C-alpha atoms as a PDB file:
ATOM      1  CA  MET A   1      -0.601   1.128  31.384  1.00  0.00           C
ATOM      2  CA  ALA A   2      -3.118   3.844  30.767  1.00  0.00           C
ATOM      3  CA  ILE A   3      -6.738   3.060  29.631  1.00  0.00           C
ATOM      4  CA  PHE A   4      -7.735   5.985  27.752  1.00  0.00           C
ATOM      5  CA  THR A   5     -10.845   5.450  26.303  1.00  0.00           C
ATOM      6  CA  PRO A   6     -13.262   7.510  23.624  1.00  0.00           C
ATOM      7  CA  SER A   7     -15.496  10.886  25.288  1.00  0.00           C
ATOM      8  CA  PHE A   8     -17.674  10.910  21.954  1.00  0.00           C
ATOM      9  CA  THR A   9     -19.097   8.168  18.980  1.00  0.00           C
ATOM     10  CA  PRO A  10     -17.830   8.659  15.230  1.00  0.00           C
ATOM     11  CA  SER A  11     -20.880   9.442  13.343  1.00  0.00           C
ATOM     12  CA  PRO A  12     -19.669  10.690   9.869  1.00  0.00           C
ATOM     13  CA  SER A  13     -23.001  10.829   8.254  1.00  0.00           C
ATOM     14  CA  SER A  14     -24.665  12.732  11.149  1.00  0.00           C
ATOM     15  CA  THR A  15     -25.479  16.572  10.950  1.00  0.00           C
ATOM     16  CA  GLU A  16     -22.563  17.885  13.078  1.00  0.00           C
ATOM     17  CA  PRO A  17     -24.458  20.874  15.828  1.00  0.00           C
ATOM     18  CA  ALA A  18     -24.758  25.036  14.127  1.00  0.00           C
ATOM     19  CA  GLU A  19     -22.153  26.507  15.963  1.00  0.00           C
ATOM     20  CA  ILE A  20     -19.545  23.995  14.765  1.00  0.00           C
ATOM     21  CA  GLN A  21     -21.368  23.106  11.274  1.00  0.00           C
ATOM     22  CA  GLN A  22     -19.905  26.957  11.498  1.00  0.00           C
ATOM     23  CA  VAL A  23     -16.584  26.811  11.651  1.00  0.00           C
ATOM     24  CA  ILE A  24     -16.754  24.041   9.230  1.00  0.00           C
ATOM     25  CA  GLU A  25     -17.493  26.705   6.286  1.00  0.00           C
ATOM     26  CA  SER A  26     -15.832  29.790   7.639  1.00  0.00           C
ATOM     27  CA  LEU A  27     -12.650  27.915   7.733  1.00  0.00           C
ATOM     28  CA  HIS A  28     -13.832  26.332   4.725  1.00  0.00           C
ATOM     29  CA  LEU A  29     -12.527  22.474   6.138  1.00  0.00           C
ATOM     30  CA  VAL A  30     -13.019  19.553   4.743  1.00  0.00           C
ATOM     31  CA  PRO A  31     -13.069  16.338   5.463  1.00  0.00           C
ATOM     32  CA  HIS A  32      -9.690  14.990   6.458  1.00  0.00           C
ATOM     33  CA  ILE A  33      -8.485  11.375   5.676  1.00  0.00           C
ATOM     34  CA  GLU A  34      -6.786  11.079   8.922  1.00  0.00           C
ATOM     35  CA  GLY A  35     -10.387  12.358  10.334  1.00  0.00           C
ATOM     36  CA  GLY A  36     -11.424  15.478  11.075  1.00  0.00           C
ATOM     37  CA  PHE A  37     -11.744  18.515   9.168  1.00  0.00           C
ATOM     38  CA  PHE A  38      -9.102  20.226   7.726  1.00  0.00           C
ATOM     39  CA  ALA A  39      -8.051  22.776   5.381  1.00  0.00           C
ATOM     40  CA  GLU A  40      -4.604  23.559   3.726  1.00  0.00           C
ATOM     41  CA  THR A  41      -3.750  27.729   5.066  1.00  0.00           C
ATOM     42  CA  ASP A  42       0.046  28.631   4.132  1.00  0.00           C
ATOM     43  CA  ARG A  43       2.627  26.559   1.675  1.00  0.00           C
ATOM     44  CA  ALA A  44       5.866  28.553   1.532  1.00  0.00           C
ATOM     45  CA  LYS A  45       6.898  29.514  -1.502  1.00  0.00           C
ATOM     46  CA  GLU A  46      10.647  28.798  -0.531  1.00  0.00           C
ATOM     47  CA  THR A  47      11.079  25.161  -1.316  1.00  0.00           C
ATOM     48  CA  LEU A  48      14.578  22.983  -1.034  1.00  0.00           C
ATOM     49  CA  PRO A  49      15.928  19.244  -2.272  1.00  0.00           C
ATOM     50  CA  SER A  50      13.726  17.145  -0.319  1.00  0.00           C
ATOM     51  CA  PRO A  51      16.162  15.367   2.541  1.00  0.00           C
ATOM     52  CA  PHE A  52      13.147  11.972   2.494  1.00  0.00           C
ATOM     53  CA  PRO A  53      14.306   8.859   1.121  1.00  0.00           C
ATOM     54  CA  ALA A  54      11.418   8.612  -2.513  1.00  0.00           C
ATOM     55  CA  GLN A  55       8.888   5.470  -1.501  1.00  0.00           C
ATOM     56  CA  VAL A  56       5.746   4.939  -1.870  1.00  0.00           C
ATOM     57  CA  SER A  57       3.878   5.369   1.273  1.00  0.00           C
ATOM     58  CA  SER A  58       0.411   3.678   2.722  1.00  0.00           C
ATOM     59  CA  THR A  59      -1.073   6.892   1.527  1.00  0.00           C
ATOM     60  CA  SER A  60       0.224   7.304  -1.525  1.00  0.00           C
ATOM     61  CA  GLU A  61      -2.799   6.563  -3.579  1.00  0.00           C
ATOM     62  CA  LEU A  62      -5.369   7.567  -0.936  1.00  0.00           C
ATOM     63  CA  ALA A  63      -5.347  11.266  -2.084  1.00  0.00           C
ATOM     64  CA  PRO A  64      -5.295  13.577  -5.229  1.00  0.00           C
ATOM     65  CA  LYS A  65      -1.548  14.698  -6.597  1.00  0.00           C
ATOM     66  CA  ARG A  66      -0.675  18.228  -5.433  1.00  0.00           C
ATOM     67  CA  GLN A  67      -0.688  20.406  -8.964  1.00  0.00           C
ATOM     68  CA  GLY A  68       2.383  20.778  -8.873  1.00  0.00           C
ATOM     69  CA  PHE A  69       4.070  18.233  -6.946  1.00  0.00           C
ATOM     70  CA  ASP A  70       7.633  16.825  -7.488  1.00  0.00           C
ATOM     71  CA  PRO A  71       8.272  14.824  -5.294  1.00  0.00           C
ATOM     72  CA  ALA A  72      12.626  15.321  -5.119  1.00  0.00           C
ATOM     73  CA  ILE A  73      10.899  19.429  -3.896  1.00  0.00           C
ATOM     74  CA  ARG A  74      10.066  19.876  -0.505  1.00  0.00           C
ATOM     75  CA  ASN A  75       7.823  23.143   0.069  1.00  0.00           C
ATOM     76  CA  ALA A  76       9.878  24.477   3.659  1.00  0.00           C
ATOM     77  CA  SER A  77       6.903  24.474   5.298  1.00  0.00           C
ATOM     78  CA  THR A  78       2.645  24.206   5.387  1.00  0.00           C
ATOM     79  CA  THR A  79       0.002  25.003   7.522  1.00  0.00           C
ATOM     80  CA  ILE A  80      -2.978  23.517   8.303  1.00  0.00           C
ATOM     81  CA  PHE A  81      -6.334  24.390  10.620  1.00  0.00           C
ATOM     82  CA  TYR A  82      -7.651  20.442  11.283  1.00  0.00           C
ATOM     83  CA  TYR A  83     -10.848  20.335  13.255  1.00  0.00           C
ATOM     84  CA  LEU A  84     -11.803  17.386  15.354  1.00  0.00           C
ATOM     85  CA  THR A  85     -16.059  17.477  16.143  1.00  0.00           C
ATOM     86  CA  PRO A  86     -18.087  15.450  18.069  1.00  0.00           C
ATOM     87  CA  ASN A  87     -19.561  13.832  14.961  1.00  0.00           C
ATOM     88  CA  GLY A  88     -15.656  13.482  13.124  1.00  0.00           C
ATOM     89  CA  PRO A  89     -13.603  12.940  17.267  1.00  0.00           C
ATOM     90  CA  GLN A  90     -10.704  10.974  16.455  1.00  0.00           C
ATOM     91  CA  GLY A  91      -7.380  11.214  14.060  1.00  0.00           C
ATOM     92  CA  GLY A  92      -5.975   8.204  13.731  1.00  0.00           C
ATOM     93  CA  PHE A  93      -2.320   7.022  14.096  1.00  0.00           C
ATOM     94  CA  HIS A  94      -0.300   8.369  11.377  1.00  0.00           C
ATOM     95  CA  ARG A  95       3.341   8.929  11.036  1.00  0.00           C
ATOM     96  CA  ASN A  96       4.566  12.350   9.447  1.00  0.00           C
ATOM     97  CA  LYS A  97       8.300  12.373   8.041  1.00  0.00           C
ATOM     98  CA  GLY A  98       8.524  16.072   9.126  1.00  0.00           C
ATOM     99  CA  ARG A  99       8.398  17.492  12.614  1.00  0.00           C
ATOM    100  CA  THR A 100       5.137  19.392  12.824  1.00  0.00           C
ATOM    101  CA  VAL A 101       4.154  22.499  15.897  1.00  0.00           C
ATOM    102  CA  HIS A 102       0.596  22.068  16.328  1.00  0.00           C
ATOM    103  CA  THR A 103      -0.980  24.608  18.530  1.00  0.00           C
ATOM    104  CA  LEU A 104      -4.388  25.165  19.870  1.00  0.00           C
ATOM    105  CA  HIS A 105      -7.219  27.122  19.124  1.00  0.00           C
ATOM    106  CA  LYS A 106     -10.076  25.975  21.019  1.00  0.00           C
ATOM    107  CA  GLY A 107     -11.535  23.415  22.675  1.00  0.00           C
ATOM    108  CA  ARG A 108      -9.191  20.119  24.555  1.00  0.00           C
ATOM    109  CA  GLY A 109      -7.794  16.385  23.401  1.00  0.00           C
ATOM    110  CA  ARG A 110      -6.168  13.358  24.129  1.00  0.00           C
ATOM    111  CA  TYR A 111      -3.000  12.863  22.088  1.00  0.00           C
ATOM    112  CA  VAL A 112      -1.008   9.751  22.076  1.00  0.00           C
ATOM    113  CA  LEU A 113       2.257   9.061  20.448  1.00  0.00           C
ATOM    114  CA  ILE A 114       4.533   5.641  19.967  1.00  0.00           C
ATOM    115  CA  HIS A 115       8.012   7.173  19.649  1.00  0.00           C
ATOM    116  CA  ALA A 116       8.042   4.473  16.872  1.00  0.00           C
ATOM    117  CA  ASP A 117      12.172   6.211  16.088  1.00  0.00           C
ATOM    118  CA  GLU A 118      13.340   4.885  19.640  1.00  0.00           C
ATOM    119  CA  PRO A 119      15.488   2.242  20.336  1.00  0.00           C
ATOM    120  CA  GLY A 120      14.573  -0.819  21.836  1.00  0.00           C
ATOM    121  CA  LYS A 121      12.028  -3.320  20.363  1.00  0.00           C
ATOM    122  CA  GLU A 122       9.109  -2.070  22.799  1.00  0.00           C
ATOM    123  CA  LYS A 123       8.257   0.980  22.138  1.00  0.00           C
ATOM    124  CA  ARG A 124       7.913   3.819  25.127  1.00  0.00           C
ATOM    125  CA  VAL A 125       4.095   5.037  24.710  1.00  0.00           C
ATOM    126  CA  GLU A 126       3.597   8.767  25.834  1.00  0.00           C
ATOM    127  CA  SER A 127      -0.317  10.567  26.230  1.00  0.00           C
ATOM    128  CA  TYR A 128      -0.886  14.387  27.030  1.00  0.00           C
ATOM    129  CA  ILE A 129      -3.774  15.896  27.206  1.00  0.00           C
ATOM    130  CA  VAL A 130      -4.427  19.329  25.064  1.00  0.00           C
ATOM    131  CA  GLY A 131      -5.899  22.584  26.076  1.00  0.00           C
ATOM    132  CA  PRO A 132      -6.182  25.715  27.877  1.00  0.00           C
ATOM    133  CA  ASN A 133      -6.152  25.140  31.531  1.00  0.00           C
ATOM    134  CA  VAL A 134      -1.997  25.618  31.825  1.00  0.00           C
ATOM    135  CA  ALA A 135      -2.543  25.522  35.394  1.00  0.00           C
ATOM    136  CA  GLU A 136      -3.200  22.268  35.405  1.00  0.00           C
ATOM    137  CA  GLY A 137      -0.564  20.813  33.031  1.00  0.00           C
ATOM    138  CA  GLU A 138      -2.946  21.041  30.046  1.00  0.00           C
ATOM    139  CA  LYS A 139      -0.680  22.429  26.851  1.00  0.00           C
ATOM    140  CA  LEU A 140      -1.508  25.042  24.449  1.00  0.00           C
ATOM    141  CA  GLN A 141       1.502  23.873  21.894  1.00  0.00           C
ATOM    142  CA  TRP A 142       2.928  20.845  21.105  1.00  0.00           C
ATOM    143  CA  ILE A 143       5.560  19.477  18.770  1.00  0.00           C
ATOM    144  CA  VAL A 144       5.630  15.539  17.057  1.00  0.00           C
ATOM    145  CA  ASP A 145       9.162  15.038  15.311  1.00  0.00           C
ATOM    146  CA  GLY A 146       8.988  12.527  12.167  1.00  0.00           C
ATOM    147  CA  GLY A 147       9.081   9.307  12.401  1.00  0.00           C
ATOM    148  CA  LYS A 148       6.479   8.838  15.427  1.00  0.00           C
ATOM    149  CA  PHE A 149       3.158   7.663  15.235  1.00  0.00           C
ATOM    150  CA  LYS A 150       0.460   9.926  16.584  1.00  0.00           C
ATOM    151  CA  ALA A 151      -3.420   9.743  17.600  1.00  0.00           C
ATOM    152  CA  SER A 152      -5.445  12.282  19.179  1.00  0.00           C
ATOM    153  CA  TYR A 153      -9.660  12.145  19.973  1.00  0.00           C
ATOM    154  CA  LEU A 154     -11.804  14.850  21.129  1.00  0.00           C
ATOM    155  CA  LEU A 155     -12.203  15.908  24.774  1.00  0.00           C
ATOM    156  CA  PRO A 156     -15.398  17.345  26.189  1.00  0.00           C
ATOM    157  CA  ASP A 157     -14.326  20.985  26.904  1.00  0.00           C
ATOM    158  CA  GLU A 158     -15.144  21.138  31.004  1.00  0.00           C
ATOM    159  CA  GLU A 159     -13.497  18.146  32.416  1.00  0.00           C
ATOM    160  CA  ASN A 160     -16.021  15.716  34.148  1.00  0.00           C
ATOM    161  CA  GLY A 161     -18.409  17.166  30.757  1.00  0.00           C
ATOM    162  CA  MET A 162     -20.378  16.077  28.511  1.00  0.00           C
ATOM    163  CA  GLU A 163     -20.576  18.510  25.845  1.00  0.00           C
ATOM    164  CA  SER A 164     -17.851  19.982  23.196  1.00  0.00           C
ATOM    165  CA  GLN A 165     -17.500  22.484  20.166  1.00  0.00           C
ATOM    166  CA  GLY A 166     -14.556  20.359  18.837  1.00  0.00           C
ATOM    167  CA  LEU A 167     -11.376  20.898  19.170  1.00  0.00           C
ATOM    168  CA  LEU A 168      -9.818  23.525  16.758  1.00  0.00           C
ATOM    169  CA  ILE A 169      -5.300  23.363  16.512  1.00  0.00           C
ATOM    170  CA  SER A 170      -3.252  24.764  13.861  1.00  0.00           C
ATOM    171  CA  GLU A 171      -0.107  22.402  12.415  1.00  0.00           C
ATOM    172  CA  THR A 172       2.779  22.934  11.123  1.00  0.00           C
ATOM    173  CA  VAL A 173       5.246  20.878   8.697  1.00  0.00           C
ATOM    174  CA  VAL A 174       8.773  21.481   8.459  1.00  0.00           C
ATOM    175  CA  PRO A 175       9.778  20.763   5.873  1.00  0.00           C
ATOM    176  CA  GLY A 176       6.226  20.693   4.489  1.00  0.00           C
ATOM    177  CA  PHE A 177       3.542  18.402   4.162  1.00  0.00           C
ATOM    178  CA  GLU A 178       3.182  15.729   1.744  1.00  0.00           C
ATOM    179  CA  TYR A 179       1.387  12.381   1.018  1.00  0.00           C
ATOM    180  CA  CYS A 180       4.154  10.501   0.150  1.00  0.00           C
ATOM    181  CA  ASP A 181       5.804  11.420   3.792  1.00  0.00           C
ATOM    182  CA  HIS A 182       2.867   9.694   6.020  1.00  0.00           C
ATOM    183  CA  ASP A 183       1.549   7.286   6.645  1.00  0.00           C
ATOM    184  CA  PHE A 184      -1.106   4.146   8.788  1.00  0.00           C
ATOM    185  CA  LEU A 185      -0.109   3.003  11.518  1.00  0.00           C
ATOM    186  CA  SER A 186      -1.723  -1.046  11.130  1.00  0.00           C
ATOM    187  CA  PRO A 187      -3.278  -3.498  13.353  1.00  0.00           C
ATOM    188  CA  ALA A 188       0.084  -6.134  13.034  1.00  0.00           C
ATOM    189  CA  GLY A 189       2.643  -2.966  13.679  1.00  0.00           C
ATOM    190  CA  LEU A 190       0.846  -1.934  16.310  1.00  0.00           C
ATOM    191  CA  THR A 191       1.457  -4.601  18.120  1.00  0.00           C
ATOM    192  CA  GLU A 192       4.574  -5.019  16.832  1.00  0.00           C
ATOM    193  CA  LEU A 193       5.565  -1.206  18.013  1.00  0.00           C
ATOM    194  CA  ILE A 194       4.208  -1.403  21.537  1.00  0.00           C
ATOM    195  CA  GLY A 195       3.368  -5.503  22.463  1.00  0.00           C
ATOM    196  CA  PRO A 196      -0.149  -7.128  22.169  1.00  0.00           C
ATOM    197  CA  GLU A 197      -1.690  -6.646  25.880  1.00  0.00           C
ATOM    198  CA  GLN A 198      -0.403  -2.688  25.275  1.00  0.00           C
ATOM    199  CA  ALA A 199      -1.823  -2.715  21.599  1.00  0.00           C
ATOM    200  CA  GLU A 200      -5.228  -4.054  22.600  1.00  0.00           C
ATOM    201  CA  GLY A 201      -5.892  -1.227  24.484  1.00  0.00           C
ATOM    202  CA  LEU A 202      -4.560   1.643  21.785  1.00  0.00           C
ATOM    203  CA  LYS A 203      -6.169  -0.308  18.722  1.00  0.00           C
ATOM    204  CA  TRP A 204      -9.348   1.731  18.756  1.00  0.00           C
ATOM    205  CA  LEU A 205      -7.172   4.691  17.636  1.00  0.00           C
ATOM    206  CA  LEU A 206      -6.357   3.145  14.581  1.00  0.00           C
ATOM    207  CA  SER A 207      -7.552   4.194  11.448  1.00  0.00           C
ATOM    208  CA  PRO A 208      -9.293   2.327   9.102  1.00  0.00           C
ATOM    209  CA  LEU A 209      -7.259   2.819   6.013  1.00  0.00           C
ATOM    210  CA  GLY A 210      -4.117   1.550   8.340  1.00  0.00           C
ATOM    211  CA  THR A 211      -4.133  -1.646   6.817  1.00  0.00           C
END
């Protein structure tokens, strides 16, 4: 099993460097419950009947209800900016029901996926680096289908470096994102999906909201 370790230590009470704070303010970003910062930039006016069963998720009560939300309807798509920073450097394991298309704007990070939707008792774990160095296999665009758990964490801007100006991406969710279509992975759930040995190495990527 590959060993993953954090490059930056979360410090939510610390002030971000001026360059990073400027990005947060310019893009009107706010803290995301997954970790990092975000802003919704588009919610398609077109709607469709929800393809998902009506049920309460583990995050349904953790975020304010969107004005006009109808659990039987979904917007065709939604898009956000998402930003990991040195003080908010990771997004904890979570799963969306919808398909998510990710597009890189700047920075580098690592994504770890657990293919919970695939058959078999012990689920497949996949990981890759997102960043501008396509010659070395870093991704500029990546897609995570619904039903898979994902986590992400910030890497230095340069290989073997120490500093980062943050990882800024866009995410488009199809059909559009709603918190009732989202859930966090719990410690017990992590062990059940990938076994105790792999879970021990990845538990630092769990969200504190995954209970």
